[in-house]
Every structure is written in C-alpha cells, then in structure tokens.
C-alpha cells in the first residue's frame, strides 16, 4: 500500500506528492526541516522539535503556513494513516514557489509545507549493540549551522565519505576541534568520567536529543561539561557516542579506524541510551 504524505493542505499518496519546480526549497535550499522520532506510534520530544522549527524559520524570516499546534495534528494524522509504529516524521517548510527564479524573497507567495513518514526500528537497531565507526572530515559548512536548513550538501558529502569508508557517521572538524556529526551531536566520556559535548552556538545545530540527554545525564548525577574537544582527546577517552532523533544514543567504537578504548560500546553510553528510551516512552505524545 502506498504511503500517505501531506502536501500544502492535502493528504495524498506519497507517489503523487509533488511541489513546483519553481519552489524555492528546490531552487535555493530556502527552507527549514525537522525530523521527529516515533516510538510505539507516538511522537518523541516533539515540543522540542517544534520549538526549534519556530526558531529556525524565525532566523530566516520565513512564516509558518500553519500553527505548530496544527502541524502536530498533521504529524499525528500521518502516523495514524501510515500505521507507523516506530520510525520518524519528516517535515519541511520552504518559502514557496514564485513565478520566476529571483534571489530576493518573493511577495505574496504562500510557504510550502510537506511531511511524510519513514519506518525504522530505532530501539532495536543492530548498531545500538555493536556501536558505530566514524571518520573525520573538514567542516566546510556555512557559519549559521544553528539553523536547521535544508541546505545539506556538505553533510551529504561527509556522509558519503563515511559510507565509502565503511563508517556510519562523519565527525566534522574545524580549528582542530570536533563540531558535530553529519546528522548527530558528538560526545565523549573523559578518563575522569566527565561527559563532554560542544556547547551550543552558531557552530552546531542545537540538537533536541542532545539537549534531552544532557539534562537526563545531569539528573542522574553524571558530570557534564559543554566545550569543544579534539579527535586526540576523543581517542584517549573512555567512551564516545552520538545522539540524534533517529538513533537516540549510539556508542562510537572507532574514529578514523582507531579504536576508542577497547572498541566496544561502553557502560555509560549504554546506560544513557536506556535512560533516554525510558524518557522517550514516558513522555511520548
């Protein structure tokens, strides 16, 4: 059965979901996106994702065509119509389609809003048990990485390099420090048991899962320090891991082919994953 997508006010079969070739998201990457996880048929930490959506569109002066309350209704309706148990809901809003390809913002054009779902067993993913391999690449992105822009070419190239190297993620490096992964936030556990992750700023996306994991770690009496760290520091760490809406918490077992500790998922990353899954199930809507 064909999946159901949402396009500008209508629920349609995914195979029939279309936007104009003049849409500014297609022509200029003039848009914002969000991805919310679904667990047991419910949205995970969705209020945080919608708050970030509002912030991102505000940073580029893009008006949402629907209220966030209505957007959540549509998300839930898509979950229902697609019988989605575990996976994600993708949302994208662009500045819409004008009559020509002009760089300046068009007037009188309604923004485009599209959504669709994907099935994925996040909790029982094999990589959650084995950990993942990452490579490092130069961070060649623009300077406003705090905006969740659909302009993801640098991340695409980083992810492709990772795939070609047999890795699951690429950590991007700037000024000798790790900024973040191609689609994740980066963490290490130092030898003195401090969880370290880069502080929020224009250099990284303020990850919703990162935010929740930091809060949960502190609530469970883990020490957390928000600052940049180097690859050498990561390789000397007890553990390394990533967070994102589509992996929750996953251990990193090697960086550029070099083992982190014994090359196996560590107890702290594993415990934080358990804590986050419990949080996700308890707060899902």
C-alpha atoms as a PDB file:
ATOM      1  CA  UNK A   1       0.000   0.000   0.000  1.00  0.00           C
ATOM      2  CA  UNK A   2       1.275   3.447  -0.927  1.00  0.00           C
ATOM      3  CA  UNK A   3       2.293   5.628   1.991  1.00  0.00           C
ATOM      4  CA  UNK A   4       0.407   8.838   2.688  1.00  0.00           C
ATOM      5  CA  UNK A   5       2.173  12.192   2.623  1.00  0.00           C
ATOM      6  CA  UNK A   6       0.982  15.719   3.365  1.00  0.00           C
ATOM      7  CA  UNK A   7       1.449  18.499   0.809  1.00  0.00           C
ATOM      8  CA  UNK A   8       0.110  22.022   1.308  1.00  0.00           C
ATOM      9  CA  UNK A   9      -3.161  21.158   2.987  1.00  0.00           C
ATOM     10  CA  UNK A  10      -3.838  17.745   1.468  1.00  0.00           C
ATOM     11  CA  UNK A  11      -3.105  14.148   2.384  1.00  0.00           C
ATOM     12  CA  UNK A  12      -2.030  12.348  -0.781  1.00  0.00           C
ATOM     13  CA  UNK A  13      -0.336   9.080  -1.764  1.00  0.00           C
ATOM     14  CA  UNK A  14       3.423   9.523  -1.480  1.00  0.00           C
ATOM     15  CA  UNK A  15       3.831   8.563  -5.138  1.00  0.00           C
ATOM     16  CA  UNK A  16       1.622  11.528  -6.066  1.00  0.00           C
ATOM     17  CA  UNK A  17       3.169  14.067  -3.675  1.00  0.00           C
ATOM     18  CA  UNK A  18       4.558  16.940  -5.733  1.00  0.00           C
ATOM     19  CA  UNK A  19       5.725  20.545  -5.434  1.00  0.00           C
ATOM     20  CA  UNK A  20       6.512  23.078  -8.153  1.00  0.00           C
ATOM     21  CA  UNK A  21       9.897  23.055  -9.904  1.00  0.00           C
ATOM     22  CA  UNK A  22       9.927  26.764  -9.016  1.00  0.00           C
ATOM     23  CA  UNK A  23       9.729  26.018  -5.291  1.00  0.00           C
ATOM     24  CA  UNK A  24      12.498  27.923  -3.522  1.00  0.00           C
ATOM     25  CA  UNK A  25      13.399  24.887  -1.455  1.00  0.00           C
ATOM     26  CA  UNK A  26      14.338  23.138  -4.703  1.00  0.00           C
ATOM     27  CA  UNK A  27      15.989  26.150  -6.350  1.00  0.00           C
ATOM     28  CA  UNK A  28      17.745  27.826  -3.419  1.00  0.00           C
ATOM     29  CA  UNK A  29      17.536  25.448  -0.432  1.00  0.00           C
ATOM     30  CA  UNK A  30      15.411  28.256   1.010  1.00  0.00           C
ATOM     31  CA  UNK A  31      13.741  26.211   3.695  1.00  0.00           C
ATOM     32  CA  UNK A  32      13.836  24.527   7.085  1.00  0.00           C
ATOM     33  CA  UNK A  33      13.230  20.924   8.095  1.00  0.00           C
ATOM     34  CA  UNK A  34      12.653  18.839  11.195  1.00  0.00           C
ATOM     35  CA  UNK A  35      12.629  15.124  11.957  1.00  0.00           C
ATOM     36  CA  UNK A  36      10.663  13.790  14.914  1.00  0.00           C
ATOM     37  CA  UNK A  37      11.060  10.188  16.068  1.00  0.00           C
ATOM     38  CA  UNK A  38       8.068   7.900  16.534  1.00  0.00           C
ATOM     39  CA  UNK A  39       8.100   5.153  19.142  1.00  0.00           C
ATOM     40  CA  UNK A  40       5.148   2.840  19.745  1.00  0.00           C
ATOM     41  CA  UNK A  41       3.060   5.058  17.476  1.00  0.00           C
ATOM     42  CA  UNK A  42       3.770   8.239  19.439  1.00  0.00           C
ATOM     43  CA  UNK A  43       5.931  11.315  18.796  1.00  0.00           C
ATOM     44  CA  UNK A  44       9.118  11.660  20.849  1.00  0.00           C
ATOM     45  CA  UNK A  45      10.126  15.013  22.379  1.00  0.00           C
ATOM     46  CA  UNK A  46       8.061  16.729  19.699  1.00  0.00           C
ATOM     47  CA  UNK A  47       7.597  20.004  21.581  1.00  0.00           C
ATOM     48  CA  UNK A  48      11.365  20.497  21.448  1.00  0.00           C
ATOM     49  CA  UNK A  49      11.420  19.877  17.697  1.00  0.00           C
ATOM     50  CA  UNK A  50       8.561  22.295  17.064  1.00  0.00           C
ATOM     51  CA  UNK A  51      10.240  24.942  19.210  1.00  0.00           C
ATOM     52  CA  UNK A  52      13.422  24.541  17.157  1.00  0.00           C
ATOM     53  CA  UNK A  53      11.350  24.741  13.969  1.00  0.00           C
ATOM     54  CA  UNK A  54       9.897  28.068  15.101  1.00  0.00           C
ATOM     55  CA  UNK A  55      13.359  29.375  15.938  1.00  0.00           C
ATOM     56  CA  UNK A  56      14.855  28.290  12.618  1.00  0.00           C
ATOM     57  CA  UNK A  57      12.115  29.787  10.452  1.00  0.00           C
ATOM     58  CA  UNK A  58      12.352  32.971  12.501  1.00  0.00           C
ATOM     59  CA  UNK A  59      16.075  33.220  11.792  1.00  0.00           C
ATOM     60  CA  UNK A  60      15.400  33.324   8.037  1.00  0.00           C
ATOM     61  CA  UNK A  61      12.191  35.414   8.218  1.00  0.00           C
ATOM     62  CA  UNK A  62      10.044  32.536   6.954  1.00  0.00           C
ATOM     63  CA  UNK A  63       6.451  32.422   8.171  1.00  0.00           C
ATOM     64  CA  UNK A  64       4.976  29.026   9.006  1.00  0.00           C
ATOM     65  CA  UNK A  65       1.840  28.365   6.924  1.00  0.00           C
ATOM     66  CA  UNK A  66       0.243  26.580   9.893  1.00  0.00           C
ATOM     67  CA  UNK A  67       0.430  26.916  13.664  1.00  0.00           C
ATOM     68  CA  UNK A  68       2.668  24.479  15.487  1.00  0.00           C
ATOM     69  CA  UNK A  69      -0.458  23.013  17.087  1.00  0.00           C
ATOM     70  CA  UNK A  70      -1.877  22.276  13.639  1.00  0.00           C
ATOM     71  CA  UNK A  71       1.481  20.897  12.471  1.00  0.00           C
ATOM     72  CA  UNK A  72       1.442  18.450  15.365  1.00  0.00           C
ATOM     73  CA  UNK A  73      -2.094  17.404  14.431  1.00  0.00           C
ATOM     74  CA  UNK A  74      -0.886  16.675  10.898  1.00  0.00           C
ATOM     75  CA  UNK A  75       2.113  14.726  12.202  1.00  0.00           C
ATOM     76  CA  UNK A  76      -0.147  12.539  14.324  1.00  0.00           C
ATOM     77  CA  UNK A  77      -2.599  12.051  11.469  1.00  0.00           C
ATOM     78  CA  UNK A  78       0.250  10.890   9.227  1.00  0.00           C
ATOM     79  CA  UNK A  79       1.385   8.424  11.889  1.00  0.00           C
ATOM     80  CA  UNK A  80      -2.174   7.105  12.074  1.00  0.00           C
ATOM     81  CA  UNK A  81      -2.788   6.934   8.323  1.00  0.00           C
ATOM     82  CA  UNK A  82       0.505   5.136   7.717  1.00  0.00           C
ATOM     83  CA  UNK A  83       0.062   2.732  10.637  1.00  0.00           C
ATOM     84  CA  UNK A  84       3.517   3.810  11.787  1.00  0.00           C
ATOM     85  CA  UNK A  85       4.723   2.080  14.929  1.00  0.00           C
ATOM     86  CA  UNK A  86       8.413   3.014  15.005  1.00  0.00           C
ATOM     87  CA  UNK A  87      10.215   5.461  12.769  1.00  0.00           C
ATOM     88  CA  UNK A  88      10.070   9.154  12.057  1.00  0.00           C
ATOM     89  CA  UNK A  89       8.046  12.022  10.634  1.00  0.00           C
ATOM     90  CA  UNK A  90       9.915  14.341   8.264  1.00  0.00           C
ATOM     91  CA  UNK A  91       8.696  17.934   7.937  1.00  0.00           C
ATOM     92  CA  UNK A  92       9.884  20.618   5.525  1.00  0.00           C
ATOM     93  CA  UNK A  93       8.747  24.194   5.067  1.00  0.00           C
ATOM     94  CA  UNK A  94      10.053  26.373   2.236  1.00  0.00           C
ATOM     95  CA  UNK A  95       9.401  29.942   1.134  1.00  0.00           C
ATOM     96  CA  UNK A  96       7.174  28.575  -1.612  1.00  0.00           C
ATOM     97  CA  UNK A  97       7.049  28.830  -5.401  1.00  0.00           C
ATOM     98  CA  UNK A  98       7.252  32.152  -7.223  1.00  0.00           C
ATOM     99  CA  UNK A  99       6.745  32.825 -10.944  1.00  0.00           C
ATOM    100  CA  UNK A 100      10.462  33.269 -11.578  1.00  0.00           C
ATOM    101  CA  UNK A 101      13.849  32.438 -10.089  1.00  0.00           C
ATOM    102  CA  UNK A 102      14.724  35.648  -8.251  1.00  0.00           C
ATOM    103  CA  UNK A 103      17.072  35.553  -5.273  1.00  0.00           C
ATOM    104  CA  UNK A 104      15.207  38.129  -3.161  1.00  0.00           C
ATOM    105  CA  UNK A 105      12.204  36.997  -1.121  1.00  0.00           C
ATOM    106  CA  UNK A 106       9.055  36.933  -3.291  1.00  0.00           C
ATOM    107  CA  UNK A 107       5.937  38.759  -2.151  1.00  0.00           C
ATOM    108  CA  UNK A 108       2.512  37.241  -1.861  1.00  0.00           C
ATOM    109  CA  UNK A 109       3.768  33.657  -2.051  1.00  0.00           C
ATOM    110  CA  UNK A 110       2.482  31.062   0.416  1.00  0.00           C
ATOM    111  CA  UNK A 111       5.126  28.852   2.004  1.00  0.00           C
ATOM    112  CA  UNK A 112       5.244  25.182   1.069  1.00  0.00           C
ATOM    113  CA  UNK A 113       4.678  22.611   3.814  1.00  0.00           C
ATOM    114  CA  UNK A 114       5.324  18.914   3.195  1.00  0.00           C
ATOM    115  CA  UNK A 115       5.517  15.933   5.546  1.00  0.00           C
ATOM    116  CA  UNK A 116       5.980  12.200   5.231  1.00  0.00           C
ATOM    117  CA  UNK A 117       6.837   9.221   7.432  1.00  0.00           C
ATOM    118  CA  UNK A 118       9.505   6.516   7.373  1.00  0.00           C
ATOM    119  CA  UNK A 119       9.580   3.267   9.313  1.00  0.00           C
ATOM    120  CA  UNK A 120      12.685   2.466  11.368  1.00  0.00           C
ATOM    121  CA  UNK A 121      13.263   0.295  14.412  1.00  0.00           C
ATOM    122  CA  UNK A 122      15.380   2.771  16.356  1.00  0.00           C
ATOM    123  CA  UNK A 123      15.328   0.986  19.699  1.00  0.00           C
ATOM    124  CA  UNK A 124      16.413  -2.424  18.396  1.00  0.00           C
ATOM    125  CA  UNK A 125      18.793  -1.241  15.685  1.00  0.00           C
ATOM    126  CA  UNK A 126      21.799  -3.629  15.493  1.00  0.00           C
ATOM    127  CA  UNK A 127      24.225  -0.696  15.723  1.00  0.00           C
ATOM    128  CA  UNK A 128      22.829   0.108  19.155  1.00  0.00           C
ATOM    129  CA  UNK A 129      24.516  -3.076  20.394  1.00  0.00           C
ATOM    130  CA  UNK A 130      27.673  -3.065  18.290  1.00  0.00           C
ATOM    131  CA  UNK A 131      28.412   0.662  18.250  1.00  0.00           C
ATOM    132  CA  UNK A 132      29.367   2.597  15.127  1.00  0.00           C
ATOM    133  CA  UNK A 133      32.521   3.641  13.303  1.00  0.00           C
ATOM    134  CA  UNK A 134      33.079   7.292  12.423  1.00  0.00           C
ATOM    135  CA  UNK A 135      35.551   9.113  10.219  1.00  0.00           C
ATOM    136  CA  UNK A 136      36.622  12.742  10.405  1.00  0.00           C
ATOM    137  CA  UNK A 137      36.257  15.315   7.632  1.00  0.00           C
ATOM    138  CA  UNK A 138      36.841  19.080   7.398  1.00  0.00           C
ATOM    139  CA  UNK A 139      33.796  21.135   8.355  1.00  0.00           C
ATOM    140  CA  UNK A 140      33.082  23.086   5.158  1.00  0.00           C
ATOM    141  CA  UNK A 141      29.572  24.303   6.060  1.00  0.00           C
ATOM    142  CA  UNK A 142      28.290  27.857   6.294  1.00  0.00           C
ATOM    143  CA  UNK A 143      28.579  29.758   9.565  1.00  0.00           C
ATOM    144  CA  UNK A 144      24.916  29.524  10.671  1.00  0.00           C
ATOM    145  CA  UNK A 145      24.772  25.845  11.496  1.00  0.00           C
ATOM    146  CA  UNK A 146      22.349  26.573  14.334  1.00  0.00           C
ATOM    147  CA  UNK A 147      19.641  26.993  11.678  1.00  0.00           C
ATOM    148  CA  UNK A 148      18.191  23.642  10.571  1.00  0.00           C
ATOM    149  CA  UNK A 149      18.439  24.483   6.893  1.00  0.00           C
ATOM    150  CA  UNK A 150      17.627  22.068   4.078  1.00  0.00           C
ATOM    151  CA  UNK A 151      20.990  23.071   2.535  1.00  0.00           C
ATOM    152  CA  UNK A 152      22.756  19.814   3.411  1.00  0.00           C
ATOM    153  CA  UNK A 153      25.275  19.309   0.596  1.00  0.00           C
ATOM    154  CA  UNK A 154      28.289  19.439   2.927  1.00  0.00           C
ATOM    155  CA  UNK A 155      26.666  16.817   5.156  1.00  0.00           C
ATOM    156  CA  UNK A 156      25.803  14.684   2.122  1.00  0.00           C
ATOM    157  CA  UNK A 157      29.455  14.695   1.059  1.00  0.00           C
ATOM    158  CA  UNK A 158      30.568  13.896   4.604  1.00  0.00           C
ATOM    159  CA  UNK A 159      28.098  11.029   4.890  1.00  0.00           C
ATOM    160  CA  UNK A 160      29.136   9.677   1.504  1.00  0.00           C
ATOM    161  CA  UNK A 161      32.772   9.722   2.565  1.00  0.00           C
ATOM    162  CA  UNK A 162      31.764   7.814   5.694  1.00  0.00           C
ATOM    163  CA  UNK A 163      29.807   5.258   3.685  1.00  0.00           C
ATOM    164  CA  UNK A 164      32.744   4.709   1.334  1.00  0.00           C
ATOM    165  CA  UNK A 165      34.971   4.134   4.370  1.00  0.00           C
ATOM    166  CA  UNK A 166      32.558   1.622   5.887  1.00  0.00           C
ATOM    167  CA  UNK A 167      31.576   4.036   8.669  1.00  0.00           C
ATOM    168  CA  UNK A 168      28.148   5.140   9.859  1.00  0.00           C
ATOM    169  CA  UNK A 169      28.904   8.782  10.591  1.00  0.00           C
ATOM    170  CA  UNK A 170      31.388  11.577   9.893  1.00  0.00           C
ATOM    171  CA  UNK A 171      32.592  13.940  12.591  1.00  0.00           C
ATOM    172  CA  UNK A 172      33.313  17.373  11.156  1.00  0.00           C
ATOM    173  CA  UNK A 173      36.472  19.176  12.251  1.00  0.00           C
ATOM    174  CA  UNK A 174      37.063  22.928  12.482  1.00  0.00           C
ATOM    175  CA  UNK A 175      40.106  24.594  14.018  1.00  0.00           C
ATOM    176  CA  UNK A 176      41.263  21.235  15.300  1.00  0.00           C
ATOM    177  CA  UNK A 177      38.051  20.540  17.203  1.00  0.00           C
ATOM    178  CA  UNK A 178      35.005  18.365  16.555  1.00  0.00           C
ATOM    179  CA  UNK A 179      31.915  20.422  15.778  1.00  0.00           C
ATOM    180  CA  UNK A 180      29.321  17.657  15.302  1.00  0.00           C
ATOM    181  CA  UNK A 181      28.392  14.699  13.149  1.00  0.00           C
ATOM    182  CA  UNK A 182      26.826  14.886   9.732  1.00  0.00           C
ATOM    183  CA  UNK A 183      23.438  14.246  11.334  1.00  0.00           C
ATOM    184  CA  UNK A 184      24.220  13.915  15.025  1.00  0.00           C
ATOM    185  CA  UNK A 185      25.723  15.529  18.110  1.00  0.00           C
ATOM    186  CA  UNK A 186      29.107  14.279  19.341  1.00  0.00           C
ATOM    187  CA  UNK A 187      30.033  13.273  22.916  1.00  0.00           C
ATOM    188  CA  UNK A 188      32.977  11.767  24.761  1.00  0.00           C
ATOM    189  CA  UNK A 189      33.497  10.444  28.280  1.00  0.00           C
ATOM    190  CA  UNK A 190      36.874  11.544  29.648  1.00  0.00           C
ATOM    191  CA  UNK A 191      39.164   9.414  31.796  1.00  0.00           C
ATOM    192  CA  UNK A 192      37.929  11.290  34.859  1.00  0.00           C
ATOM    193  CA  UNK A 193      34.297  10.419  33.997  1.00  0.00           C
ATOM    194  CA  UNK A 194      33.170  13.767  32.619  1.00  0.00           C
ATOM    195  CA  UNK A 195      30.726  13.730  29.709  1.00  0.00           C
ATOM    196  CA  UNK A 196      31.869  16.347  27.199  1.00  0.00           C
ATOM    197  CA  UNK A 197      29.896  17.792  24.285  1.00  0.00           C
ATOM    198  CA  UNK A 198      30.369  21.018  22.387  1.00  0.00           C
ATOM    199  CA  UNK A 199      28.390  23.990  23.690  1.00  0.00           C
ATOM    200  CA  UNK A 200      25.549  25.381  21.591  1.00  0.00           C
ATOM    201  CA  UNK A 201      26.375  28.260  19.280  1.00  0.00           C
ATOM    202  CA  UNK A 202      26.352  29.100  15.599  1.00  0.00           C
ATOM    203  CA  UNK A 203      28.935  26.345  15.012  1.00  0.00           C
ATOM    204  CA  UNK A 204      26.471  23.488  15.623  1.00  0.00           C
ATOM    205  CA  UNK A 205      22.797  22.621  15.445  1.00  0.00           C
ATOM    206  CA  UNK A 206      21.160  22.717  18.887  1.00  0.00           C
ATOM    207  CA  UNK A 207      20.206  19.037  18.916  1.00  0.00           C
ATOM    208  CA  UNK A 208      16.908  18.179  20.580  1.00  0.00           C
ATOM    209  CA  UNK A 209      18.114  14.735  21.595  1.00  0.00           C
ATOM    210  CA  UNK A 210      21.426  16.244  22.716  1.00  0.00           C
ATOM    211  CA  UNK A 211      19.517  18.683  24.926  1.00  0.00           C
ATOM    212  CA  UNK A 212      17.433  15.917  26.474  1.00  0.00           C
ATOM    213  CA  UNK A 213      20.427  13.619  27.032  1.00  0.00           C
ATOM    214  CA  UNK A 214      22.441  16.383  28.720  1.00  0.00           C
ATOM    215  CA  UNK A 215      19.530  17.106  31.067  1.00  0.00           C
ATOM    216  CA  UNK A 216      18.929  13.429  31.801  1.00  0.00           C
ATOM    217  CA  UNK A 217      22.644  12.842  32.433  1.00  0.00           C
ATOM    218  CA  UNK A 218      22.760  15.675  34.945  1.00  0.00           C
ATOM    219  CA  UNK A 219      19.584  14.411  36.629  1.00  0.00           C
ATOM    220  CA  UNK A 220      21.292  11.027  37.058  1.00  0.00           C
ATOM    221  CA  UNK A 221      24.350  12.651  38.668  1.00  0.00           C
ATOM    222  CA  UNK A 222      26.695  12.422  35.701  1.00  0.00           C
ATOM    223  CA  UNK A 223      29.129  15.312  35.315  1.00  0.00           C
ATOM    224  CA  UNK A 224      28.627  17.177  32.040  1.00  0.00           C
ATOM    225  CA  UNK A 225      30.938  19.766  30.527  1.00  0.00           C
ATOM    226  CA  UNK A 226      29.972  21.712  27.410  1.00  0.00           C
ATOM    227  CA  UNK A 227      33.090  22.629  25.442  1.00  0.00           C
ATOM    228  CA  UNK A 228      34.913  21.676  22.230  1.00  0.00           C
ATOM    229  CA  UNK A 229      37.099  18.567  22.161  1.00  0.00           C
ATOM    230  CA  UNK A 230      39.715  17.288  19.714  1.00  0.00           C
ATOM    231  CA  UNK A 231      39.952  13.956  17.920  1.00  0.00           C
ATOM    232  CA  UNK A 232      43.030  13.104  20.014  1.00  0.00           C
ATOM    233  CA  UNK A 233      41.007  13.718  23.160  1.00  0.00           C
ATOM    234  CA  UNK A 234      38.227  11.512  21.813  1.00  0.00           C
ATOM    235  CA  UNK A 235      40.683   8.700  21.055  1.00  0.00           C
ATOM    236  CA  UNK A 236      42.070   8.989  24.564  1.00  0.00           C
ATOM    237  CA  UNK A 237      38.596   8.928  26.113  1.00  0.00           C
ATOM    238  CA  UNK A 238      36.897   6.093  27.959  1.00  0.00           C
ATOM    239  CA  UNK A 239      33.922   6.283  25.607  1.00  0.00           C
ATOM    240  CA  UNK A 240      32.484   8.242  22.716  1.00  0.00           C
ATOM    241  CA  UNK A 241      28.920   8.396  21.447  1.00  0.00           C
ATOM    242  CA  UNK A 242      26.457  10.314  19.323  1.00  0.00           C
ATOM    243  CA  UNK A 243      22.874  11.433  19.768  1.00  0.00           C
ATOM    244  CA  UNK A 244      20.108  12.268  17.307  1.00  0.00           C
ATOM    245  CA  UNK A 245      16.373  11.866  16.870  1.00  0.00           C
ATOM    246  CA  UNK A 246      16.872   8.884  14.571  1.00  0.00           C
ATOM    247  CA  UNK A 247      19.463   6.937  16.613  1.00  0.00           C
ATOM    248  CA  UNK A 248      18.750   8.158  20.185  1.00  0.00           C
ATOM    249  CA  UNK A 249      22.148   7.375  21.792  1.00  0.00           C
ATOM    250  CA  UNK A 250      24.744   5.236  19.992  1.00  0.00           C
ATOM    251  CA  UNK A 251      28.279   4.341  21.046  1.00  0.00           C
ATOM    252  CA  UNK A 252      31.214   5.256  18.789  1.00  0.00           C
ATOM    253  CA  UNK A 253      33.743   2.404  18.825  1.00  0.00           C
ATOM    254  CA  UNK A 254      36.320   3.749  16.372  1.00  0.00           C
ATOM    255  CA  UNK A 255      37.424   7.042  14.837  1.00  0.00           C
ATOM    256  CA  UNK A 256      39.319   7.009  11.539  1.00  0.00           C
ATOM    257  CA  UNK A 257      39.961   3.304  12.011  1.00  0.00           C
ATOM    258  CA  UNK A 258      41.409   3.696  15.508  1.00  0.00           C
ATOM    259  CA  UNK A 259      39.628   2.078  18.446  1.00  0.00           C
ATOM    260  CA  UNK A 260      38.022   4.126  21.186  1.00  0.00           C
ATOM    261  CA  UNK A 261      39.068   2.334  24.401  1.00  0.00           C
ATOM    262  CA  UNK A 262      38.537  -1.411  23.755  1.00  0.00           C
ATOM    263  CA  UNK A 263      36.494  -0.843  20.612  1.00  0.00           C
ATOM    264  CA  UNK A 264      33.207  -1.842  22.216  1.00  0.00           C
ATOM    265  CA  UNK A 265      30.204   0.176  23.472  1.00  0.00           C
ATOM    266  CA  UNK A 266      30.923   1.448  26.964  1.00  0.00           C
ATOM    267  CA  UNK A 267      28.671   1.220  30.033  1.00  0.00           C
ATOM    268  CA  UNK A 268      27.915   4.950  30.248  1.00  0.00           C
ATOM    269  CA  UNK A 269      26.723   5.286  26.648  1.00  0.00           C
ATOM    270  CA  UNK A 270      24.671   2.127  27.101  1.00  0.00           C
ATOM    271  CA  UNK A 271      23.165   3.444  30.339  1.00  0.00           C
ATOM    272  CA  UNK A 272      22.350   6.823  28.790  1.00  0.00           C
ATOM    273  CA  UNK A 273      20.613   5.039  25.931  1.00  0.00           C
ATOM    274  CA  UNK A 274      18.470   3.120  28.422  1.00  0.00           C
ATOM    275  CA  UNK A 275      17.663   6.328  30.284  1.00  0.00           C
ATOM    276  CA  UNK A 276      16.728   8.120  27.076  1.00  0.00           C
ATOM    277  CA  UNK A 277      14.495   5.289  25.843  1.00  0.00           C
ATOM    278  CA  UNK A 278      12.688   5.306  29.203  1.00  0.00           C
ATOM    279  CA  UNK A 279      12.289   9.081  28.921  1.00  0.00           C
ATOM    280  CA  UNK A 280      11.024   8.772  25.339  1.00  0.00           C
ATOM    281  CA  UNK A 281       8.376   6.210  26.242  1.00  0.00           C
ATOM    282  CA  UNK A 282       7.267   8.104  29.351  1.00  0.00           C
ATOM    283  CA  UNK A 283       6.871  11.466  27.580  1.00  0.00           C
ATOM    284  CA  UNK A 284       5.694  10.409  24.087  1.00  0.00           C
ATOM    285  CA  UNK A 285       2.565  12.139  22.789  1.00  0.00           C
END
